């Protein structure tokens, strides 16, 4: 009996180790699939439909109160995968940073689920190319996921955001780490800029990486 208990304990320990090692990679693979950018149709009719979808989404009433936003859990990732129509319902554009290989959808409103689909807006009055256009995103352990590539962005990098009808190019001019309560970086400004915000590391932290870019005329 004792021998079987030892064997059972060894097996359970082995399975536990395998779970700890393998499961984070499985979760990251799921997030990578969930956050894959929306494909822009090649045909004119399909592209026009996408532009209209985004235009309609911008008019929707959205609760911009950021509350109960949590780090990605297995449960949240599974829910996001099952509810991909929510991604389409919140889609308002795309963001690309070629220098670091970032290509993500932009979703209207910062929620736990939207943050698994891509970058999210934070204020109701945000308009691409005008004032301070702010986007939030998760910093994951895998450096290619969501806003993780921001850690490699350099001053002078070009960032392109688009609503599929018009594109706006910005040039990075400031990179800093601030305390999480420094909300002034998200406030409206007189100049036209893009502000990208993510955690400064993939584990729990009270610091935020803030990248500011100016609109290229």
C-alpha atoms as a PDB file:
ATOM      1  CA  UNK A   1       0.000   0.000   0.000  1.00  0.00           C
ATOM      2  CA  UNK A   2       2.791   2.349   0.944  1.00  0.00           C
ATOM      3  CA  UNK A   3       4.545   1.607  -2.350  1.00  0.00           C
ATOM      4  CA  UNK A   4       1.429   2.579  -4.320  1.00  0.00           C
ATOM      5  CA  UNK A   5       1.102   5.819  -2.361  1.00  0.00           C
ATOM      6  CA  UNK A   6       4.704   6.681  -3.203  1.00  0.00           C
ATOM      7  CA  UNK A   7       4.076   5.908  -6.884  1.00  0.00           C
ATOM      8  CA  UNK A   8       0.870   7.959  -6.878  1.00  0.00           C
ATOM      9  CA  UNK A   9       2.638  10.867  -5.196  1.00  0.00           C
ATOM     10  CA  UNK A  10       5.446  10.740  -7.748  1.00  0.00           C
ATOM     11  CA  UNK A  11       2.973  10.707 -10.652  1.00  0.00           C
ATOM     12  CA  UNK A  12       1.007  13.641  -9.232  1.00  0.00           C
ATOM     13  CA  UNK A  13       4.216  15.605  -8.674  1.00  0.00           C
ATOM     14  CA  UNK A  14       5.298  14.895 -12.258  1.00  0.00           C
ATOM     15  CA  UNK A  15       1.925  16.022 -13.617  1.00  0.00           C
ATOM     16  CA  UNK A  16       2.107  19.160 -11.497  1.00  0.00           C
ATOM     17  CA  UNK A  17       5.529  20.055 -12.854  1.00  0.00           C
ATOM     18  CA  UNK A  18       4.385  19.405 -16.435  1.00  0.00           C
ATOM     19  CA  UNK A  19       1.348  21.640 -15.883  1.00  0.00           C
ATOM     20  CA  UNK A  20       3.465  24.480 -14.497  1.00  0.00           C
ATOM     21  CA  UNK A  21       5.888  24.260 -17.413  1.00  0.00           C
ATOM     22  CA  UNK A  22       3.524  23.585 -20.313  1.00  0.00           C
ATOM     23  CA  UNK A  23       0.291  25.392 -19.439  1.00  0.00           C
ATOM     24  CA  UNK A  24       1.650  28.979 -19.621  1.00  0.00           C
ATOM     25  CA  UNK A  25       2.812  28.243 -23.169  1.00  0.00           C
ATOM     26  CA  UNK A  26      -0.603  26.811 -24.053  1.00  0.00           C
ATOM     27  CA  UNK A  27      -2.307  29.919 -22.657  1.00  0.00           C
ATOM     28  CA  UNK A  28       0.022  32.193 -24.634  1.00  0.00           C
ATOM     29  CA  UNK A  29      -0.771  30.264 -27.820  1.00  0.00           C
ATOM     30  CA  UNK A  30      -4.477  30.784 -27.154  1.00  0.00           C
ATOM     31  CA  UNK A  31      -3.957  34.518 -26.606  1.00  0.00           C
ATOM     32  CA  UNK A  32      -1.909  34.741 -29.800  1.00  0.00           C
ATOM     33  CA  UNK A  33      -4.833  33.246 -31.717  1.00  0.00           C
ATOM     34  CA  UNK A  34      -7.386  35.445 -29.949  1.00  0.00           C
ATOM     35  CA  UNK A  35      -5.388  38.619 -30.628  1.00  0.00           C
ATOM     36  CA  UNK A  36      -4.693  37.939 -34.305  1.00  0.00           C
ATOM     37  CA  UNK A  37      -5.496  41.147 -36.249  1.00  0.00           C
ATOM     38  CA  UNK A  38      -8.592  41.464 -38.399  1.00  0.00           C
ATOM     39  CA  UNK A  39      -7.834  40.723 -42.041  1.00  0.00           C
ATOM     40  CA  UNK A  40      -8.655  43.565 -44.417  1.00  0.00           C
ATOM     41  CA  UNK A  41     -10.603  42.193 -47.406  1.00  0.00           C
ATOM     42  CA  UNK A  42      -8.873  42.633 -50.751  1.00  0.00           C
ATOM     43  CA  UNK A  43     -12.091  43.247 -52.658  1.00  0.00           C
ATOM     44  CA  UNK A  44     -13.652  46.713 -52.554  1.00  0.00           C
ATOM     45  CA  UNK A  45     -17.037  45.520 -51.306  1.00  0.00           C
ATOM     46  CA  UNK A  46     -15.510  43.665 -48.367  1.00  0.00           C
ATOM     47  CA  UNK A  47     -13.322  46.612 -47.373  1.00  0.00           C
ATOM     48  CA  UNK A  48     -16.275  48.993 -47.551  1.00  0.00           C
ATOM     49  CA  UNK A  49     -18.223  46.667 -45.245  1.00  0.00           C
ATOM     50  CA  UNK A  50     -15.337  46.707 -42.735  1.00  0.00           C
ATOM     51  CA  UNK A  51     -15.154  50.518 -42.853  1.00  0.00           C
ATOM     52  CA  UNK A  52     -18.899  50.710 -42.232  1.00  0.00           C
ATOM     53  CA  UNK A  53     -18.652  48.249 -39.331  1.00  0.00           C
ATOM     54  CA  UNK A  54     -16.013  50.429 -37.664  1.00  0.00           C
ATOM     55  CA  UNK A  55     -18.040  53.592 -38.292  1.00  0.00           C
ATOM     56  CA  UNK A  56     -21.058  51.976 -36.626  1.00  0.00           C
ATOM     57  CA  UNK A  57     -18.986  50.737 -33.685  1.00  0.00           C
ATOM     58  CA  UNK A  58     -17.673  54.248 -33.022  1.00  0.00           C
ATOM     59  CA  UNK A  59     -21.255  55.441 -32.501  1.00  0.00           C
ATOM     60  CA  UNK A  60     -22.079  52.801 -29.890  1.00  0.00           C
ATOM     61  CA  UNK A  61     -22.576  53.774 -26.270  1.00  0.00           C
ATOM     62  CA  UNK A  62     -19.650  52.312 -24.333  1.00  0.00           C
ATOM     63  CA  UNK A  63     -18.916  52.378 -20.611  1.00  0.00           C
ATOM     64  CA  UNK A  64     -15.439  53.901 -20.423  1.00  0.00           C
ATOM     65  CA  UNK A  65     -15.153  53.389 -16.669  1.00  0.00           C
ATOM     66  CA  UNK A  66     -12.161  51.097 -16.253  1.00  0.00           C
ATOM     67  CA  UNK A  67     -13.168  48.662 -13.529  1.00  0.00           C
ATOM     68  CA  UNK A  68     -12.483  45.070 -12.579  1.00  0.00           C
ATOM     69  CA  UNK A  69      -9.876  44.716 -15.326  1.00  0.00           C
ATOM     70  CA  UNK A  70      -7.789  41.662 -14.502  1.00  0.00           C
ATOM     71  CA  UNK A  71      -4.688  40.021 -15.872  1.00  0.00           C
ATOM     72  CA  UNK A  72      -5.339  37.221 -18.388  1.00  0.00           C
ATOM     73  CA  UNK A  73      -6.525  34.005 -16.773  1.00  0.00           C
ATOM     74  CA  UNK A  74      -7.298  30.713 -18.469  1.00  0.00           C
ATOM     75  CA  UNK A  75     -11.001  31.331 -17.836  1.00  0.00           C
ATOM     76  CA  UNK A  76     -10.855  34.803 -19.398  1.00  0.00           C
ATOM     77  CA  UNK A  77      -8.939  33.570 -22.450  1.00  0.00           C
ATOM     78  CA  UNK A  78     -11.424  30.750 -23.038  1.00  0.00           C
ATOM     79  CA  UNK A  79     -14.324  33.204 -22.719  1.00  0.00           C
ATOM     80  CA  UNK A  80     -12.684  35.562 -25.223  1.00  0.00           C
ATOM     81  CA  UNK A  81     -12.183  32.741 -27.714  1.00  0.00           C
ATOM     82  CA  UNK A  82     -15.823  31.661 -27.425  1.00  0.00           C
ATOM     83  CA  UNK A  83     -17.108  35.212 -27.763  1.00  0.00           C
ATOM     84  CA  UNK A  84     -15.210  36.505 -30.796  1.00  0.00           C
ATOM     85  CA  UNK A  85     -18.312  38.360 -31.994  1.00  0.00           C
ATOM     86  CA  UNK A  86     -17.552  40.789 -29.147  1.00  0.00           C
ATOM     87  CA  UNK A  87     -14.257  41.569 -30.863  1.00  0.00           C
ATOM     88  CA  UNK A  88     -16.067  42.503 -34.059  1.00  0.00           C
ATOM     89  CA  UNK A  89     -18.607  44.541 -32.091  1.00  0.00           C
ATOM     90  CA  UNK A  90     -15.862  46.645 -30.456  1.00  0.00           C
ATOM     91  CA  UNK A  91     -13.453  46.935 -33.417  1.00  0.00           C
ATOM     92  CA  UNK A  92     -12.515  50.523 -34.308  1.00  0.00           C
ATOM     93  CA  UNK A  93      -9.167  50.147 -36.040  1.00  0.00           C
ATOM     94  CA  UNK A  94      -5.661  48.749 -36.198  1.00  0.00           C
ATOM     95  CA  UNK A  95      -2.213  49.670 -34.884  1.00  0.00           C
ATOM     96  CA  UNK A  96       1.095  48.686 -36.491  1.00  0.00           C
ATOM     97  CA  UNK A  97       4.690  49.235 -35.381  1.00  0.00           C
ATOM     98  CA  UNK A  98       6.813  47.667 -38.100  1.00  0.00           C
ATOM     99  CA  UNK A  99      10.101  48.071 -36.208  1.00  0.00           C
ATOM    100  CA  UNK A 100       8.980  45.637 -33.486  1.00  0.00           C
ATOM    101  CA  UNK A 101       6.500  43.508 -35.433  1.00  0.00           C
ATOM    102  CA  UNK A 102       3.395  44.750 -33.615  1.00  0.00           C
ATOM    103  CA  UNK A 103       0.089  44.385 -35.483  1.00  0.00           C
ATOM    104  CA  UNK A 104      -3.099  44.541 -33.397  1.00  0.00           C
ATOM    105  CA  UNK A 105      -6.754  45.451 -33.576  1.00  0.00           C
ATOM    106  CA  UNK A 106      -7.934  48.531 -31.696  1.00  0.00           C
ATOM    107  CA  UNK A 107     -11.035  47.968 -29.560  1.00  0.00           C
ATOM    108  CA  UNK A 108     -13.345  50.619 -28.144  1.00  0.00           C
ATOM    109  CA  UNK A 109     -13.374  50.521 -24.340  1.00  0.00           C
ATOM    110  CA  UNK A 110     -10.967  48.945 -21.863  1.00  0.00           C
ATOM    111  CA  UNK A 111     -12.363  45.668 -20.522  1.00  0.00           C
ATOM    112  CA  UNK A 112     -10.787  42.377 -19.496  1.00  0.00           C
ATOM    113  CA  UNK A 113     -12.064  40.775 -22.700  1.00  0.00           C
ATOM    114  CA  UNK A 114     -11.149  43.595 -25.085  1.00  0.00           C
ATOM    115  CA  UNK A 115      -7.590  43.605 -23.730  1.00  0.00           C
ATOM    116  CA  UNK A 116      -7.256  39.998 -24.903  1.00  0.00           C
ATOM    117  CA  UNK A 117      -8.213  41.011 -28.446  1.00  0.00           C
ATOM    118  CA  UNK A 118      -5.735  43.874 -28.862  1.00  0.00           C
ATOM    119  CA  UNK A 119      -5.199  47.508 -27.839  1.00  0.00           C
ATOM    120  CA  UNK A 120      -8.032  49.429 -26.183  1.00  0.00           C
ATOM    121  CA  UNK A 121      -9.202  53.035 -26.050  1.00  0.00           C
ATOM    122  CA  UNK A 122      -9.675  54.707 -22.683  1.00  0.00           C
ATOM    123  CA  UNK A 123     -11.734  57.869 -23.284  1.00  0.00           C
ATOM    124  CA  UNK A 124     -15.033  58.484 -25.050  1.00  0.00           C
ATOM    125  CA  UNK A 125     -13.754  61.605 -26.827  1.00  0.00           C
ATOM    126  CA  UNK A 126     -10.800  59.925 -28.558  1.00  0.00           C
ATOM    127  CA  UNK A 127     -10.487  60.611 -32.288  1.00  0.00           C
ATOM    128  CA  UNK A 128      -7.654  59.280 -34.444  1.00  0.00           C
ATOM    129  CA  UNK A 129      -5.300  62.028 -35.546  1.00  0.00           C
ATOM    130  CA  UNK A 130      -6.708  64.542 -33.061  1.00  0.00           C
ATOM    131  CA  UNK A 131      -5.544  65.432 -29.560  1.00  0.00           C
ATOM    132  CA  UNK A 132      -4.199  62.678 -27.324  1.00  0.00           C
ATOM    133  CA  UNK A 133      -5.176  59.272 -28.742  1.00  0.00           C
ATOM    134  CA  UNK A 134      -4.500  56.826 -25.894  1.00  0.00           C
ATOM    135  CA  UNK A 135      -4.235  53.044 -26.187  1.00  0.00           C
ATOM    136  CA  UNK A 136      -3.743  50.468 -23.436  1.00  0.00           C
ATOM    137  CA  UNK A 137      -2.516  46.897 -23.756  1.00  0.00           C
ATOM    138  CA  UNK A 138      -1.218  43.927 -21.769  1.00  0.00           C
ATOM    139  CA  UNK A 139       2.477  43.176 -21.267  1.00  0.00           C
ATOM    140  CA  UNK A 140       2.827  39.389 -21.489  1.00  0.00           C
ATOM    141  CA  UNK A 141       5.718  37.062 -20.698  1.00  0.00           C
ATOM    142  CA  UNK A 142       6.001  36.097 -24.382  1.00  0.00           C
ATOM    143  CA  UNK A 143       7.552  39.185 -25.932  1.00  0.00           C
ATOM    144  CA  UNK A 144       5.543  38.987 -29.165  1.00  0.00           C
ATOM    145  CA  UNK A 145       2.084  39.089 -27.544  1.00  0.00           C
ATOM    146  CA  UNK A 146      -0.221  42.110 -27.318  1.00  0.00           C
ATOM    147  CA  UNK A 147       1.727  45.196 -26.097  1.00  0.00           C
ATOM    148  CA  UNK A 148       4.832  43.236 -25.032  1.00  0.00           C
ATOM    149  CA  UNK A 149       6.767  44.425 -28.154  1.00  0.00           C
ATOM    150  CA  UNK A 150       6.590  47.986 -26.800  1.00  0.00           C
ATOM    151  CA  UNK A 151       9.548  47.129 -24.578  1.00  0.00           C
ATOM    152  CA  UNK A 152      11.719  47.209 -27.718  1.00  0.00           C
ATOM    153  CA  UNK A 153      10.373  50.417 -29.272  1.00  0.00           C
ATOM    154  CA  UNK A 154      12.994  53.136 -29.777  1.00  0.00           C
ATOM    155  CA  UNK A 155      12.741  56.896 -30.141  1.00  0.00           C
ATOM    156  CA  UNK A 156      12.100  57.774 -33.773  1.00  0.00           C
ATOM    157  CA  UNK A 157      10.052  54.631 -34.470  1.00  0.00           C
ATOM    158  CA  UNK A 158       7.033  55.132 -36.726  1.00  0.00           C
ATOM    159  CA  UNK A 159       3.614  53.974 -35.521  1.00  0.00           C
ATOM    160  CA  UNK A 160       0.614  53.712 -37.839  1.00  0.00           C
ATOM    161  CA  UNK A 161      -2.984  53.592 -36.648  1.00  0.00           C
ATOM    162  CA  UNK A 162      -5.926  53.198 -38.991  1.00  0.00           C
ATOM    163  CA  UNK A 163      -9.713  52.959 -39.019  1.00  0.00           C
ATOM    164  CA  UNK A 164      -9.376  51.121 -42.374  1.00  0.00           C
ATOM    165  CA  UNK A 165     -10.586  54.250 -44.168  1.00  0.00           C
ATOM    166  CA  UNK A 166      -7.715  56.556 -43.246  1.00  0.00           C
ATOM    167  CA  UNK A 167      -4.278  55.993 -41.708  1.00  0.00           C
ATOM    168  CA  UNK A 168      -2.358  58.218 -39.293  1.00  0.00           C
ATOM    169  CA  UNK A 169       1.421  58.090 -38.855  1.00  0.00           C
ATOM    170  CA  UNK A 170       3.149  59.032 -35.623  1.00  0.00           C
ATOM    171  CA  UNK A 171       6.816  59.287 -34.658  1.00  0.00           C
ATOM    172  CA  UNK A 172       7.947  58.234 -31.170  1.00  0.00           C
ATOM    173  CA  UNK A 173       9.529  61.136 -29.293  1.00  0.00           C
ATOM    174  CA  UNK A 174       9.359  60.075 -25.631  1.00  0.00           C
ATOM    175  CA  UNK A 175       9.614  56.817 -23.671  1.00  0.00           C
ATOM    176  CA  UNK A 176       9.270  56.791 -19.895  1.00  0.00           C
ATOM    177  CA  UNK A 177       8.237  54.658 -16.921  1.00  0.00           C
ATOM    178  CA  UNK A 178       5.728  56.253 -14.537  1.00  0.00           C
ATOM    179  CA  UNK A 179       3.723  55.270 -11.468  1.00  0.00           C
ATOM    180  CA  UNK A 180       0.382  53.623 -12.233  1.00  0.00           C
ATOM    181  CA  UNK A 181      -1.530  56.519 -10.636  1.00  0.00           C
ATOM    182  CA  UNK A 182      -0.083  59.159 -12.996  1.00  0.00           C
ATOM    183  CA  UNK A 183      -3.307  59.490 -14.968  1.00  0.00           C
ATOM    184  CA  UNK A 184      -2.296  62.811 -16.531  1.00  0.00           C
ATOM    185  CA  UNK A 185      -0.624  60.909 -19.392  1.00  0.00           C
ATOM    186  CA  UNK A 186      -4.106  59.856 -20.546  1.00  0.00           C
ATOM    187  CA  UNK A 187      -5.660  63.311 -20.481  1.00  0.00           C
ATOM    188  CA  UNK A 188      -6.577  65.277 -23.597  1.00  0.00           C
ATOM    189  CA  UNK A 189      -3.900  67.555 -25.082  1.00  0.00           C
ATOM    190  CA  UNK A 190      -3.828  70.482 -27.482  1.00  0.00           C
ATOM    191  CA  UNK A 191      -1.202  68.836 -29.685  1.00  0.00           C
ATOM    192  CA  UNK A 192      -1.910  65.735 -31.765  1.00  0.00           C
ATOM    193  CA  UNK A 193      -0.184  62.744 -30.217  1.00  0.00           C
ATOM    194  CA  UNK A 194      -0.461  59.004 -29.658  1.00  0.00           C
ATOM    195  CA  UNK A 195       0.089  57.586 -26.168  1.00  0.00           C
ATOM    196  CA  UNK A 196       0.672  53.865 -25.644  1.00  0.00           C
ATOM    197  CA  UNK A 197       0.563  52.452 -22.111  1.00  0.00           C
ATOM    198  CA  UNK A 198       1.426  49.017 -20.727  1.00  0.00           C
ATOM    199  CA  UNK A 199       2.920  47.530 -17.561  1.00  0.00           C
ATOM    200  CA  UNK A 200       6.701  47.877 -17.359  1.00  0.00           C
ATOM    201  CA  UNK A 201       7.038  44.105 -16.812  1.00  0.00           C
ATOM    202  CA  UNK A 202       4.943  40.980 -17.311  1.00  0.00           C
ATOM    203  CA  UNK A 203       4.494  40.304 -13.588  1.00  0.00           C
ATOM    204  CA  UNK A 204       2.541  42.356 -11.047  1.00  0.00           C
ATOM    205  CA  UNK A 205       3.826  45.933 -10.931  1.00  0.00           C
ATOM    206  CA  UNK A 206       2.779  49.464 -10.008  1.00  0.00           C
ATOM    207  CA  UNK A 207       4.793  51.004 -12.856  1.00  0.00           C
ATOM    208  CA  UNK A 208       3.704  51.737 -16.419  1.00  0.00           C
ATOM    209  CA  UNK A 209       5.688  52.109 -19.618  1.00  0.00           C
ATOM    210  CA  UNK A 210       4.417  55.161 -21.493  1.00  0.00           C
ATOM    211  CA  UNK A 211       5.351  55.779 -25.122  1.00  0.00           C
ATOM    212  CA  UNK A 212       4.436  59.110 -26.670  1.00  0.00           C
ATOM    213  CA  UNK A 213       4.504  59.789 -30.407  1.00  0.00           C
ATOM    214  CA  UNK A 214       3.709  62.964 -32.348  1.00  0.00           C
ATOM    215  CA  UNK A 215       1.494  63.027 -35.427  1.00  0.00           C
ATOM    216  CA  UNK A 216       3.441  63.230 -38.679  1.00  0.00           C
ATOM    217  CA  UNK A 217       1.804  65.903 -40.905  1.00  0.00           C
END
